């Protein structure tokens, strides 16, 4: 089992910044990717960003590229999402996820943290 706990969400005005954190525990050796997804009311959950635990290669959704940065701290078993130039369209519940390359359809999920961007 892998446990994921997100934090750092909140209310911010358009153009502002937030940093989300995701702390991992348990059988973390069984996964090699971590990332962030988000879900707005009435919409499907969508991919935001991911990072490979070993090597640190990253991937971003086009909608956040250039504004968001995903990073990791191996010593703390923590992944971060730095969100800059926030837009009202970024408003959603943000979920941390972890998965293995060989089984990307089965992910461990955090409880989610609310991000609200006002205009």
Protein backbone atom coordinates (compact mmCIF):
# COMPACT_ATOMS: atom_id res chain seq x y z
CA UNK A 1 0.00 0.00 0.00
CA UNK A 2 0.99 3.59 -0.65
CA UNK A 3 -0.50 6.47 1.32
CA UNK A 4 -0.56 9.99 -0.11
CA UNK A 5 -1.45 13.15 1.79
CA UNK A 6 -1.88 16.47 -0.02
CA UNK A 7 -1.71 19.94 1.50
CA UNK A 8 -1.31 23.55 0.45
CA UNK A 9 -4.61 24.31 -1.24
CA UNK A 10 -6.54 27.48 -0.60
CA UNK A 11 -8.13 30.60 -2.02
CA UNK A 12 -6.07 32.92 -4.18
CA UNK A 13 -6.76 35.74 -6.62
CA UNK A 14 -6.07 35.39 -10.32
CA UNK A 15 -2.39 35.90 -11.02
CA UNK A 16 -1.37 34.61 -7.62
CA UNK A 17 0.61 31.53 -6.61
CA UNK A 18 0.21 28.42 -4.49
CA UNK A 19 2.44 25.46 -3.72
CA UNK A 20 0.89 22.05 -3.18
CA UNK A 21 2.67 19.26 -1.32
CA UNK A 22 2.16 15.50 -1.43
CA UNK A 23 3.81 13.33 1.20
CA UNK A 24 4.13 9.62 0.39
CA UNK A 25 4.47 6.72 2.81
CA UNK A 26 4.09 2.95 2.89
CA UNK A 27 5.29 0.77 0.00
CA UNK A 28 6.72 3.68 -1.95
CA UNK A 29 9.26 1.36 -3.58
CA UNK A 30 6.40 -0.18 -5.58
CA UNK A 31 5.79 3.03 -7.59
CA UNK A 32 8.10 5.07 -9.80
CA UNK A 33 5.86 7.92 -10.97
CA UNK A 34 4.05 10.58 -9.03
CA UNK A 35 1.86 13.35 -10.31
CA UNK A 36 -1.07 15.67 -9.95
CA UNK A 37 -4.59 15.48 -11.36
CA UNK A 38 -7.47 17.87 -10.86
CA UNK A 39 -11.23 17.73 -11.03
CA UNK A 40 -13.66 20.63 -11.23
CA UNK A 41 -17.38 20.22 -10.40
CA UNK A 42 -19.21 18.51 -13.25
CA UNK A 43 -16.01 17.76 -15.16
CA UNK A 44 -13.80 14.73 -15.66
CA UNK A 45 -10.60 14.35 -13.72
CA UNK A 46 -7.70 15.57 -15.84
CA UNK A 47 -3.95 15.17 -15.83
CA UNK A 48 -1.90 18.15 -14.67
CA UNK A 49 1.73 17.11 -14.21
CA UNK A 50 3.90 14.12 -13.38
CA UNK A 51 7.46 13.33 -12.41
CA UNK A 52 9.52 10.16 -12.56
CA UNK A 53 10.88 9.38 -9.10
CA UNK A 54 14.22 8.18 -10.40
CA UNK A 55 15.74 10.62 -12.87
CA UNK A 56 13.16 13.35 -12.38
CA UNK A 57 11.79 13.58 -15.92
CA UNK A 58 8.58 15.61 -16.02
CA UNK A 59 5.43 15.95 -18.08
CA UNK A 60 2.79 18.70 -18.13
CA UNK A 61 -0.65 19.28 -19.53
CA UNK A 62 -0.69 21.98 -22.20
CA UNK A 63 -3.05 24.08 -20.10
CA UNK A 64 -0.49 24.51 -17.30
CA UNK A 65 2.80 24.37 -19.20
CA UNK A 66 4.95 27.38 -18.38
CA UNK A 67 2.94 28.21 -15.26
CA UNK A 68 3.19 25.10 -13.08
CA UNK A 69 6.32 23.26 -11.97
CA UNK A 70 6.44 19.79 -10.44
CA UNK A 71 9.40 18.79 -8.30
CA UNK A 72 10.41 16.22 -5.72
CA UNK A 73 12.40 15.92 -2.51
CA UNK A 74 13.60 12.33 -2.22
CA UNK A 75 14.80 12.76 1.35
CA UNK A 76 11.30 13.82 2.44
CA UNK A 77 9.36 11.47 0.13
CA UNK A 78 7.46 14.53 -1.01
CA UNK A 79 6.34 15.89 -4.37
CA UNK A 80 5.45 19.53 -4.91
CA UNK A 81 3.42 21.46 -7.44
CA UNK A 82 4.35 25.13 -7.69
CA UNK A 83 1.47 26.96 -9.35
CA UNK A 84 2.11 30.47 -10.66
CA UNK A 85 -0.01 32.88 -12.69
CA UNK A 86 -3.15 31.11 -11.52
CA UNK A 87 -6.34 31.51 -13.52
CA UNK A 88 -9.98 30.97 -12.52
CA UNK A 89 -9.96 27.95 -14.85
CA UNK A 90 -7.46 26.31 -12.48
CA UNK A 91 -10.12 26.07 -9.77
CA UNK A 92 -10.53 22.39 -8.86
CA UNK A 93 -9.79 19.73 -6.31
CA UNK A 94 -6.20 18.69 -6.87
CA UNK A 95 -5.25 15.05 -6.26
CA UNK A 96 -1.83 13.55 -5.83
CA UNK A 97 -1.29 10.17 -7.49
CA UNK A 98 1.39 7.48 -7.63
CA UNK A 99 1.79 4.60 -10.05
CA UNK A 100 4.17 2.13 -11.63
CA UNK A 101 5.24 2.26 -15.27
CA UNK A 102 4.09 -1.31 -15.83
CA UNK A 103 0.57 -0.62 -14.51
CA UNK A 104 -0.35 3.01 -15.18
CA UNK A 105 -4.10 2.33 -15.01
CA UNK A 106 -3.89 1.43 -11.32
CA UNK A 107 -3.02 4.51 -9.26
CA UNK A 108 -2.85 5.32 -5.60
CA UNK A 109 -4.66 8.55 -4.76
CA UNK A 110 -4.51 11.18 -2.07
CA UNK A 111 -7.60 12.70 -0.48
CA UNK A 112 -7.44 15.90 -2.53
CA UNK A 113 -6.95 19.56 -1.70
CA UNK A 114 -9.18 22.40 -2.89
CA UNK A 115 -7.71 25.19 -4.99
CA UNK A 116 -9.97 28.16 -5.68
CA UNK A 117 -8.87 31.03 -7.92
CA UNK A 118 -11.07 34.12 -7.82
CA UNK A 119 -11.41 36.67 -10.61
